[in-house]
């Protein structure tokens, strides 16, 4: 009998607990569902409200696009760094690879959010148009707009011209592989450089190396035409440029170059000076030198002249 009473008490206890949870969950679930439904219930908003929502999301999308581009540029630098470390026969640090994976996952996450916002913009814009079409207010506003366009307001015309210029400027800096290849061919750099990568991660790399005399960082005058054409090609674009300087295995130690690291760096520096002279900004460059150790993991060239060189990698940001 005592056992039966204990079982009944325990049963009543669990019934009370489940009942409490049920009555707590239902209002919360209903509230969440109601809020989600209300978010997409365009009948709750005026056409001005819908336009504001769409405009706000457009601003968020632009911010996300800028953030994605910045992270992609950082990822490109990290990929280059990992490749350089591995080319030298070393193992790239795990932290570097982990950081790269984190950035790639972050790009996917931001792209997913951007896609969701773009869907909302289309949804709100369509709802706004639907509300405006056929209404008396819309007809009146259209008449006023048509009248203003005939009369012409200077500030509106000026704003339209400015917007058109901004749009043209943006489109002129957009990177298209086809247009970029056409520009390379037109300027006469087909034999000098090649396009690597695809989509928004295009790079231009030198095919023919910039060679140097033994123990020297002086650039031969024959290369001036190449540097001038390369600067002309890159001026319209938003780019970052990595210049790497290499040496042969012959040791060097003097007042100018204590080691091959300094010699390689000076070769890269002189390349940058020439490109800056022809109009590129100094802030877009990065120098790298591994001296003679670049070839530690590979069979050295039979011709030392090809080891004494500089290479250029151009990363396009958009």
Protein backbone atom coordinates (compact mmCIF):
# COMPACT_ATOMS: atom_id res chain seq x y z
CA UNK A 1 0.00 0.00 0.00
CA UNK A 2 2.79 2.40 0.95
CA UNK A 3 4.56 1.55 -2.32
CA UNK A 4 1.43 2.35 -4.35
CA UNK A 5 1.10 5.73 -2.62
CA UNK A 6 4.73 6.59 -3.41
CA UNK A 7 4.22 5.66 -7.08
CA UNK A 8 1.07 7.81 -7.29
CA UNK A 9 2.86 10.78 -5.72
CA UNK A 10 5.79 10.42 -8.13
CA UNK A 11 3.38 10.15 -11.07
CA UNK A 12 1.52 13.32 -10.02
CA UNK A 13 4.85 15.10 -9.64
CA UNK A 14 5.96 14.30 -13.21
CA UNK A 15 2.52 15.19 -14.59
CA UNK A 16 2.76 18.61 -12.93
CA UNK A 17 6.30 19.16 -14.29
CA UNK A 18 5.33 18.21 -17.88
CA UNK A 19 2.18 20.32 -17.69
CA UNK A 20 4.18 23.35 -16.55
CA UNK A 21 6.72 22.86 -19.35
CA UNK A 22 3.95 22.46 -21.93
CA UNK A 23 2.15 25.64 -20.90
CA UNK A 24 5.46 27.55 -20.84
CA UNK A 25 6.62 26.27 -24.25
CA UNK A 26 3.39 26.89 -26.16
CA UNK A 27 3.26 30.69 -25.53
CA UNK A 28 7.00 31.00 -26.32
CA UNK A 29 6.68 28.96 -29.53
CA UNK A 30 3.55 30.87 -30.53
CA UNK A 31 5.27 34.18 -29.86
CA UNK A 32 8.34 33.20 -31.94
CA UNK A 33 6.16 31.96 -34.79
CA UNK A 34 4.03 35.08 -34.63
CA UNK A 35 7.08 37.32 -34.77
CA UNK A 36 8.47 35.44 -37.78
CA UNK A 37 5.12 35.63 -39.55
CA UNK A 38 4.81 39.31 -38.70
CA UNK A 39 8.30 39.95 -40.15
CA UNK A 40 7.10 38.78 -43.56
CA UNK A 41 3.55 40.10 -43.20
CA UNK A 42 3.76 43.10 -45.51
CA UNK A 43 0.21 44.12 -44.72
CA UNK A 44 1.51 45.43 -41.39
CA UNK A 45 3.72 48.00 -43.17
CA UNK A 46 3.11 50.98 -45.41
CA UNK A 47 4.92 51.33 -48.73
CA UNK A 48 7.33 53.84 -47.10
CA UNK A 49 8.09 51.34 -44.32
CA UNK A 50 8.79 48.61 -46.88
CA UNK A 51 11.08 50.91 -48.86
CA UNK A 52 13.00 51.80 -45.70
CA UNK A 53 13.39 48.14 -44.81
CA UNK A 54 14.69 47.33 -48.30
CA UNK A 55 17.11 50.32 -48.21
CA UNK A 56 18.40 49.35 -44.74
CA UNK A 57 19.10 45.81 -45.94
CA UNK A 58 20.88 47.17 -49.03
CA UNK A 59 23.25 49.10 -46.76
CA UNK A 60 23.88 45.92 -44.75
CA UNK A 61 24.58 44.02 -47.98
CA UNK A 62 27.16 46.62 -49.07
CA UNK A 63 28.89 46.36 -45.69
CA UNK A 64 28.96 42.55 -45.98
CA UNK A 65 30.40 42.72 -49.51
CA UNK A 66 33.21 45.00 -48.30
CA UNK A 67 33.90 42.68 -45.35
CA UNK A 68 33.97 39.62 -47.64
CA UNK A 69 36.43 41.33 -50.01
CA UNK A 70 38.75 42.24 -47.13
CA UNK A 71 38.73 38.67 -45.76
CA UNK A 72 39.29 37.25 -49.27
CA UNK A 73 42.30 39.53 -49.72
CA UNK A 74 43.71 38.38 -46.35
CA UNK A 75 43.09 34.75 -47.35
CA UNK A 76 45.01 35.26 -50.60
CA UNK A 77 48.00 36.59 -48.66
CA UNK A 78 47.85 33.58 -46.32
CA UNK A 79 47.65 31.12 -49.24
CA UNK A 80 50.73 32.73 -50.78
CA UNK A 81 52.54 32.52 -47.44
CA UNK A 82 51.68 28.84 -46.95
CA UNK A 83 52.80 28.01 -50.50
CA UNK A 84 56.08 29.86 -50.00
CA UNK A 85 56.78 28.01 -46.75
CA UNK A 86 56.03 24.65 -48.35
CA UNK A 87 58.12 25.49 -51.44
CA UNK A 88 61.11 26.07 -49.16
CA UNK A 89 60.82 22.51 -47.82
CA UNK A 90 59.30 23.47 -44.48
CA UNK A 91 55.95 22.60 -42.94
CA UNK A 92 53.49 25.48 -42.70
CA UNK A 93 52.45 26.17 -39.06
CA UNK A 94 49.15 24.60 -38.04
CA UNK A 95 48.00 27.96 -36.66
CA UNK A 96 48.37 29.52 -40.11
CA UNK A 97 46.27 26.80 -41.73
CA UNK A 98 43.69 26.99 -38.94
CA UNK A 99 43.44 30.75 -39.41
CA UNK A 100 42.95 30.26 -43.16
CA UNK A 101 40.15 27.74 -42.57
CA UNK A 102 38.52 30.16 -40.13
CA UNK A 103 38.58 32.94 -42.72
CA UNK A 104 37.15 30.64 -45.40
CA UNK A 105 34.33 29.59 -43.05
CA UNK A 106 33.72 33.24 -42.17
CA UNK A 107 33.38 34.08 -45.88
CA UNK A 108 30.77 31.31 -46.28
CA UNK A 109 28.88 32.56 -43.22
CA UNK A 110 28.87 36.17 -44.47
CA UNK A 111 27.84 35.05 -47.97
CA UNK A 112 24.92 33.11 -46.48
CA UNK A 113 23.77 36.17 -44.52
CA UNK A 114 24.16 38.34 -47.63
CA UNK A 115 22.02 35.93 -49.67
CA UNK A 116 19.27 36.01 -47.01
CA UNK A 117 19.27 39.82 -46.98
CA UNK A 118 19.13 39.93 -50.78
CA UNK A 119 16.05 37.70 -50.64
CA UNK A 120 14.41 40.06 -48.12
CA UNK A 121 15.22 43.08 -50.30
CA UNK A 122 13.53 41.45 -53.29
CA UNK A 123 10.56 40.48 -51.12
CA UNK A 124 10.08 43.95 -49.61
CA UNK A 125 10.66 45.72 -52.94
CA UNK A 126 8.03 43.55 -54.65
CA UNK A 127 5.59 44.18 -51.79
CA UNK A 128 6.24 47.93 -51.97
CA UNK A 129 5.57 47.98 -55.72
CA UNK A 130 2.42 45.93 -55.24
CA UNK A 131 1.13 48.40 -52.65
CA UNK A 132 1.86 51.41 -54.84
CA UNK A 133 0.49 50.08 -58.15
CA UNK A 134 -3.01 51.27 -58.92
CA UNK A 135 -3.44 53.47 -55.84
CA UNK A 136 -4.61 57.07 -56.00
CA UNK A 137 -1.52 58.13 -54.06
CA UNK A 138 0.71 56.47 -56.63
CA UNK A 139 -1.04 58.21 -59.53
CA UNK A 140 -0.69 61.60 -57.85
CA UNK A 141 2.98 60.99 -57.01
CA UNK A 142 3.67 59.94 -60.60
CA UNK A 143 2.09 63.13 -61.92
CA UNK A 144 4.21 65.21 -59.54
CA UNK A 145 7.36 63.28 -60.51
CA UNK A 146 6.66 63.76 -64.21
CA UNK A 147 6.08 67.48 -63.66
CA UNK A 148 9.31 67.84 -61.66
CA UNK A 149 11.28 66.01 -64.33
CA UNK A 150 9.93 68.40 -66.98
CA UNK A 151 10.74 71.46 -64.89
CA UNK A 152 14.06 69.99 -63.73
CA UNK A 153 15.59 70.54 -60.32
CA UNK A 154 19.32 71.39 -60.39
CA UNK A 155 20.10 69.49 -57.18
CA UNK A 156 18.38 66.35 -58.48
CA UNK A 157 20.19 66.57 -61.80
CA UNK A 158 23.51 67.08 -60.01
CA UNK A 159 22.84 64.08 -57.74
CA UNK A 160 21.94 61.93 -60.74
CA UNK A 161 25.13 62.92 -62.58
CA UNK A 162 27.22 62.22 -59.46
CA UNK A 163 25.57 58.81 -58.98
CA UNK A 164 26.26 57.96 -62.62
CA UNK A 165 29.92 58.91 -62.23
CA UNK A 166 30.25 56.77 -59.09
CA UNK A 167 28.60 53.85 -60.85
CA UNK A 168 30.93 54.23 -63.83
CA UNK A 169 33.96 54.42 -61.54
CA UNK A 170 32.91 51.26 -59.73
CA UNK A 171 32.28 49.37 -62.94
CA UNK A 172 35.65 50.45 -64.31
CA UNK A 173 37.42 48.81 -61.36
CA UNK A 174 35.47 45.54 -61.52
CA UNK A 175 37.75 42.67 -62.46
CA UNK A 176 36.78 40.57 -65.45
CA UNK A 177 39.16 37.82 -66.57
CA UNK A 178 38.23 38.41 -70.22
CA UNK A 179 38.70 42.19 -70.01
CA UNK A 180 41.93 41.77 -68.06
CA UNK A 181 43.37 39.39 -70.67
CA UNK A 182 42.31 41.80 -73.42
CA UNK A 183 44.11 44.64 -71.60
CA UNK A 184 47.25 42.49 -71.22
CA UNK A 185 47.23 41.70 -74.94
CA UNK A 186 46.56 45.30 -75.90
CA UNK A 187 49.41 46.69 -73.80
CA UNK A 188 51.79 44.01 -75.04
CA UNK A 189 52.42 41.93 -71.90
CA UNK A 190 51.14 38.53 -73.12
CA UNK A 191 54.67 37.06 -73.10
CA UNK A 192 55.48 38.60 -69.71
CA UNK A 193 52.56 37.79 -67.43
CA UNK A 194 49.73 35.28 -67.01
CA UNK A 195 46.37 35.31 -65.19
CA UNK A 196 45.98 32.80 -62.34
CA UNK A 197 42.84 31.94 -60.36
CA UNK A 198 39.18 32.58 -61.12
CA UNK A 199 36.13 34.54 -59.99
CA UNK A 200 36.95 37.23 -57.44
CA UNK A 201 40.41 35.79 -56.72
CA UNK A 202 42.30 36.69 -59.87
CA UNK A 203 46.06 37.10 -59.76
CA UNK A 204 48.60 38.16 -62.37
CA UNK A 205 52.06 36.59 -62.12
CA UNK A 206 55.22 37.18 -64.10
CA UNK A 207 56.17 34.44 -66.58
CA UNK A 208 59.55 35.88 -67.54
CA UNK A 209 61.76 36.64 -64.53
CA UNK A 210 63.52 39.94 -63.90
CA UNK A 211 67.17 38.87 -63.87
CA UNK A 212 70.15 40.49 -62.12
CA UNK A 213 73.96 40.38 -62.38
CA UNK A 214 75.96 38.49 -59.74
CA UNK A 215 75.99 40.29 -56.38
CA UNK A 216 74.00 43.23 -57.76
CA UNK A 217 70.50 44.65 -57.41
CA UNK A 218 70.77 46.99 -60.39
CA UNK A 219 67.90 46.55 -62.88
CA UNK A 220 68.93 46.55 -66.53
CA UNK A 221 67.47 49.35 -68.67
CA UNK A 222 65.90 46.78 -70.98
CA UNK A 223 63.23 46.14 -68.34
CA UNK A 224 61.99 49.75 -68.20
CA UNK A 225 59.45 49.22 -70.99
CA UNK A 226 58.01 46.19 -69.17
CA UNK A 227 57.61 48.07 -65.86
CA UNK A 228 56.01 51.03 -67.60
CA UNK A 229 53.47 48.78 -69.36
CA UNK A 230 52.76 46.84 -66.14
CA UNK A 231 52.07 50.06 -64.21
CA UNK A 232 49.77 51.25 -67.01
CA UNK A 233 47.88 47.93 -66.85
CA UNK A 234 47.37 48.03 -63.05
CA UNK A 235 46.50 51.70 -62.47
CA UNK A 236 42.71 51.30 -62.99
CA UNK A 237 42.45 48.38 -60.54
CA UNK A 238 42.42 47.92 -56.77
CA UNK A 239 45.42 45.63 -56.26
CA UNK A 240 48.06 44.44 -53.82
CA UNK A 241 51.47 43.54 -55.20
CA UNK A 242 53.96 41.09 -53.73
CA UNK A 243 57.52 41.38 -55.05
CA UNK A 244 59.90 38.53 -54.18
CA UNK A 245 63.66 38.84 -54.56
CA UNK A 246 65.94 35.78 -54.92
CA UNK A 247 69.67 35.12 -55.19
CA UNK A 248 71.94 32.27 -56.23
CA UNK A 249 73.88 30.14 -53.72
CA UNK A 250 77.07 32.15 -53.95
CA UNK A 251 77.65 33.65 -50.45
CA UNK A 252 77.92 37.41 -50.11
CA UNK A 253 79.15 39.52 -47.21
CA UNK A 254 80.04 43.18 -47.60
CA UNK A 255 79.00 46.60 -46.29
CA UNK A 256 76.07 46.83 -48.71
CA UNK A 257 74.82 43.25 -48.41
CA UNK A 258 75.69 41.38 -45.21
CA UNK A 259 73.97 38.30 -46.68
CA UNK A 260 71.85 37.10 -49.59
CA UNK A 261 68.69 38.03 -47.66
CA UNK A 262 69.53 41.73 -47.98
CA UNK A 263 70.56 41.30 -51.62
CA UNK A 264 67.25 39.60 -52.47
CA UNK A 265 65.28 42.26 -50.60
CA UNK A 266 67.13 45.06 -52.38
CA UNK A 267 66.32 43.51 -55.75
CA UNK A 268 62.63 43.48 -54.84
CA UNK A 269 62.88 47.05 -53.52
CA UNK A 270 64.37 48.34 -56.78
CA UNK A 271 61.51 46.71 -58.72
CA UNK A 272 59.03 48.58 -56.51
CA UNK A 273 60.86 51.89 -56.98
CA UNK A 274 60.49 51.56 -60.74
CA UNK A 275 56.77 50.73 -60.56
CA UNK A 276 56.18 53.67 -58.20
CA UNK A 277 58.08 55.92 -60.62
CA UNK A 278 55.62 54.88 -63.32
CA UNK A 279 52.59 55.82 -61.23
CA UNK A 280 51.66 53.04 -58.79
CA UNK A 281 51.09 53.83 -55.08
CA UNK A 282 53.80 52.70 -52.62
CA UNK A 283 51.14 51.51 -50.13
CA UNK A 284 50.05 48.57 -52.32
CA UNK A 285 53.42 46.76 -52.21
CA UNK A 286 54.91 44.06 -50.03
CA UNK A 287 58.54 42.86 -50.19
CA UNK A 288 59.77 39.34 -49.59
CA UNK A 289 63.23 37.78 -49.75
CA UNK A 290 64.42 34.24 -49.02
CA UNK A 291 67.93 34.79 -50.32
CA UNK A 292 69.46 31.61 -51.75
CA UNK A 293 67.25 29.32 -49.66
CA UNK A 294 64.29 29.46 -52.06
CA UNK A 295 65.59 26.37 -53.84
CA UNK A 296 66.37 24.24 -50.76
CA UNK A 297 63.45 21.87 -51.48
CA UNK A 298 63.95 21.85 -55.24
CA UNK A 299 66.73 20.99 -57.64
CA UNK A 300 68.70 24.22 -58.26
CA UNK A 301 68.75 25.60 -61.76
CA UNK A 302 71.73 24.59 -63.88
CA UNK A 303 72.01 28.25 -64.82
CA UNK A 304 72.66 30.48 -61.83
CA UNK A 305 71.47 33.49 -63.82
CA UNK A 306 67.89 32.28 -63.45
CA UNK A 307 68.26 32.06 -59.67
CA UNK A 308 69.23 35.74 -59.47
CA UNK A 309 65.79 37.16 -60.12
CA UNK A 310 62.69 38.97 -58.91
CA UNK A 311 59.09 37.79 -59.31
CA UNK A 312 55.88 39.82 -59.18
CA UNK A 313 52.45 38.62 -58.00
CA UNK A 314 49.48 40.98 -58.37
CA UNK A 315 46.34 40.24 -56.32
CA UNK A 316 43.12 41.88 -57.48
CA UNK A 317 40.77 42.99 -54.69
CA UNK A 318 37.69 43.61 -56.84
